Amino acid sequence: MGTGVNVIADMPRYDENKCTLILSAHYDTTKDNIGIIDNGSGTALLLTAAEMLSDATPDFNIRLIFFDMEEYSMYGSKYYLQNMTENERNNIIADINFDMVGGSSDSLTISTSNGFDSALSIYLNGILNDKYSLSAKGMYSDSNPFMYHQIPAITFI
């Protein structure tokens, strides 16, 4: 398989004393996928988010992570989390992951790893005026390793 490279960008004014919200997407693909959708679309969304959030001054940090090797058992996100200290993992507010947001469907769904609502999915959908439905089939993407480490995480798909 070779080695992968995660690309990590901290938004301006990053402060190690504050908690961090992670926005993520994977940038790898396979020969069997349509790469522009899975997941060039999520990558493009993160780049746009970086531009839109560059002047934001929230009470928390924002870190954008472009994960590699999601298509290979999510090795990029697993590696990222396994190489953090417990204190660093505890400092993460949540991961909001974007995977295949530019497909042929007219709507996005919120997905959790098991297909059940979580506090994060309920909260986000509430502040987004219940615009997104919950995918009942669950999701196998880079949000899953965060949930494994008991960090709130969802995927928009």
Protein backbone atom coordinates (compact mmCIF):
# COMPACT_ATOMS: atom_id res chain seq x y z
CA MET A 1 0.00 0.00 0.00
CA GLY A 2 2.86 2.38 0.59
CA THR A 3 2.74 5.26 3.00
CA GLY A 4 0.24 8.04 3.37
CA VAL A 5 0.49 11.70 4.24
CA ASN A 6 -2.13 13.60 6.21
CA VAL A 7 -2.26 17.32 5.51
CA ILE A 8 -3.08 19.37 8.62
CA ALA A 9 -3.88 23.08 8.63
CA ASP A 10 -4.56 25.07 11.78
CA MET A 11 -6.63 28.19 11.27
CA PRO A 12 -5.06 31.52 12.28
CA ARG A 13 -4.78 32.31 15.98
CA TYR A 14 -4.46 28.63 16.98
CA ASP A 15 -3.99 28.45 20.76
CA GLU A 16 -2.88 25.17 22.37
CA ASN A 17 -4.75 26.17 25.54
CA LYS A 18 -8.11 26.06 23.74
CA CYS A 19 -10.17 23.09 22.63
CA THR A 20 -10.14 22.19 18.94
CA LEU A 21 -12.88 21.50 16.43
CA ILE A 22 -11.68 19.33 13.56
CA LEU A 23 -13.11 19.58 10.06
CA SER A 24 -11.94 16.70 7.92
CA ALA A 25 -12.13 14.98 4.56
CA HIS A 26 -10.06 12.33 2.86
CA TYR A 27 -8.24 13.09 -0.35
CA ASP A 28 -7.35 9.60 -1.53
CA THR A 29 -9.35 7.51 -3.96
CA THR A 30 -9.16 4.12 -5.64
CA LYS A 31 -9.25 2.99 -9.25
CA ASP A 32 -12.84 1.81 -8.63
CA ASN A 33 -14.13 5.21 -7.41
CA ILE A 34 -15.03 8.41 -9.16
CA GLY A 35 -12.32 10.46 -7.43
CA ILE A 36 -13.88 13.85 -8.09
CA ILE A 37 -16.85 12.73 -5.98
CA ASP A 38 -15.08 10.35 -3.55
CA ASN A 39 -13.56 12.50 -2.31
CA GLY A 40 -12.48 15.47 -4.37
CA SER A 41 -15.80 17.01 -3.34
CA GLY A 42 -15.00 16.83 0.38
CA THR A 43 -11.51 18.16 -0.26
CA ALA A 44 -12.92 21.11 -2.21
CA LEU A 45 -15.41 21.80 0.58
CA LEU A 46 -12.59 21.92 3.15
CA LEU A 47 -10.56 24.29 1.01
CA THR A 48 -13.61 26.55 0.70
CA ALA A 49 -14.20 26.31 4.46
CA ALA A 50 -10.61 27.39 5.10
CA GLU A 51 -11.14 30.49 3.00
CA MET A 52 -14.49 31.30 4.61
CA LEU A 53 -13.22 30.73 8.17
CA SER A 54 -9.86 32.49 7.79
CA ASP A 55 -11.11 35.63 9.57
CA ALA A 56 -13.29 33.83 12.13
CA THR A 57 -12.51 34.33 15.82
CA PRO A 58 -14.32 31.54 17.67
CA ASP A 59 -13.61 30.68 21.31
CA PHE A 60 -12.01 27.43 20.11
CA ASN A 61 -9.42 26.33 17.56
CA ILE A 62 -10.33 25.07 14.11
CA ARG A 63 -8.08 22.45 12.53
CA LEU A 64 -8.61 21.20 8.99
CA ILE A 65 -7.31 17.73 8.24
CA PHE A 66 -7.08 16.18 4.81
CA PHE A 67 -6.69 12.48 5.59
CA ASP A 68 -4.90 10.04 3.35
CA MET A 69 -5.69 6.32 3.10
CA GLU A 70 -9.36 6.50 4.11
CA GLU A 71 -10.07 4.05 1.31
CA TYR A 72 -7.66 1.62 3.01
CA SER A 73 -9.32 1.03 6.39
CA MET A 74 -9.05 4.68 7.42
CA TYR A 75 -5.34 4.34 8.19
CA GLY A 76 -4.74 8.11 7.97
CA SER A 77 -7.26 9.06 10.65
CA LYS A 78 -6.39 6.05 12.80
CA TYR A 79 -2.70 6.99 12.66
CA TYR A 80 -3.48 10.62 13.52
CA LEU A 81 -5.45 9.68 16.63
CA GLN A 82 -3.18 6.86 17.77
CA ASN A 83 -0.19 9.21 17.75
CA MET A 84 -1.79 11.82 19.97
CA THR A 85 -1.51 11.89 23.72
CA GLU A 86 -4.66 11.22 25.71
CA ASN A 87 -4.65 14.88 26.75
CA GLU A 88 -4.52 15.98 23.09
CA ARG A 89 -7.44 13.67 22.21
CA ASN A 90 -9.42 14.98 25.21
CA ASN A 91 -8.92 18.51 23.87
CA ILE A 92 -10.87 17.74 20.67
CA ILE A 93 -14.43 19.10 20.70
CA ALA A 94 -15.58 17.01 17.73
CA ASP A 95 -14.81 15.92 14.19
CA ILE A 96 -17.10 16.99 11.37
CA ASN A 97 -16.14 14.94 8.34
CA PHE A 98 -17.13 15.50 4.71
CA ASP A 99 -17.23 12.51 2.37
CA MET A 100 -18.77 12.49 -1.11
CA VAL A 101 -20.61 15.79 -0.73
CA GLY A 102 -20.73 16.35 -4.48
CA GLY A 103 -22.49 13.23 -5.69
CA SER A 104 -25.60 12.86 -7.79
CA SER A 105 -28.03 13.22 -4.88
CA ASP A 106 -29.74 16.56 -4.29
CA SER A 107 -29.32 16.38 -0.52
CA LEU A 108 -26.72 15.67 2.11
CA THR A 109 -27.31 13.35 5.04
CA ILE A 110 -25.70 13.22 8.45
CA SER A 111 -24.12 9.87 9.17
CA THR A 112 -22.85 8.35 12.37
CA SER A 113 -20.83 5.15 12.50
CA ASN A 114 -23.81 3.10 13.69
CA GLY A 115 -26.74 4.88 12.03
CA PHE A 116 -28.18 6.16 15.30
CA ASP A 117 -28.50 9.81 16.30
CA SER A 118 -25.81 11.17 18.57
CA ALA A 119 -25.71 14.34 20.63
CA LEU A 120 -23.57 15.91 17.89
CA SER A 121 -25.89 14.92 15.03
CA ILE A 122 -28.93 16.19 16.93
CA TYR A 123 -27.18 19.46 17.83
CA LEU A 124 -25.89 20.16 14.31
CA ASN A 125 -29.18 19.31 12.67
CA GLY A 126 -30.96 21.57 15.16
CA ILE A 127 -28.80 24.60 14.42
CA LEU A 128 -29.16 23.81 10.71
CA ASN A 129 -32.99 23.90 11.02
CA ASP A 130 -33.42 20.13 10.55
CA LYS A 131 -32.22 20.42 6.97
CA TYR A 132 -30.41 17.07 6.95
CA SER A 133 -31.75 13.59 7.57
CA LEU A 134 -29.86 10.92 9.46
CA SER A 135 -28.58 8.04 7.37
CA ALA A 136 -29.92 4.89 9.02
CA LYS A 137 -27.24 2.66 7.53
CA GLY A 138 -24.27 4.16 9.34
CA MET A 139 -21.03 5.28 7.79
CA TYR A 140 -17.57 3.88 7.27
CA SER A 141 -15.38 6.97 7.01
CA ASP A 142 -12.79 9.01 8.89
CA SER A 143 -15.29 10.00 11.58
CA ASN A 144 -15.32 6.39 12.86
CA PRO A 145 -11.85 6.41 14.49
CA PHE A 146 -12.83 9.57 16.36
CA MET A 147 -15.93 7.84 17.69
CA TYR A 148 -13.77 4.83 18.65
CA HIS A 149 -11.78 7.22 20.85
CA GLN A 150 -15.06 8.58 22.29
CA ILE A 151 -14.76 11.89 20.45
CA PRO A 152 -18.05 13.18 19.03
CA ALA A 153 -17.98 12.79 15.25
CA ILE A 154 -20.29 12.78 12.25
CA THR A 155 -19.94 12.59 8.50
CA PHE A 156 -21.85 14.67 6.00
CA ILE A 157 -22.40 12.58 2.89
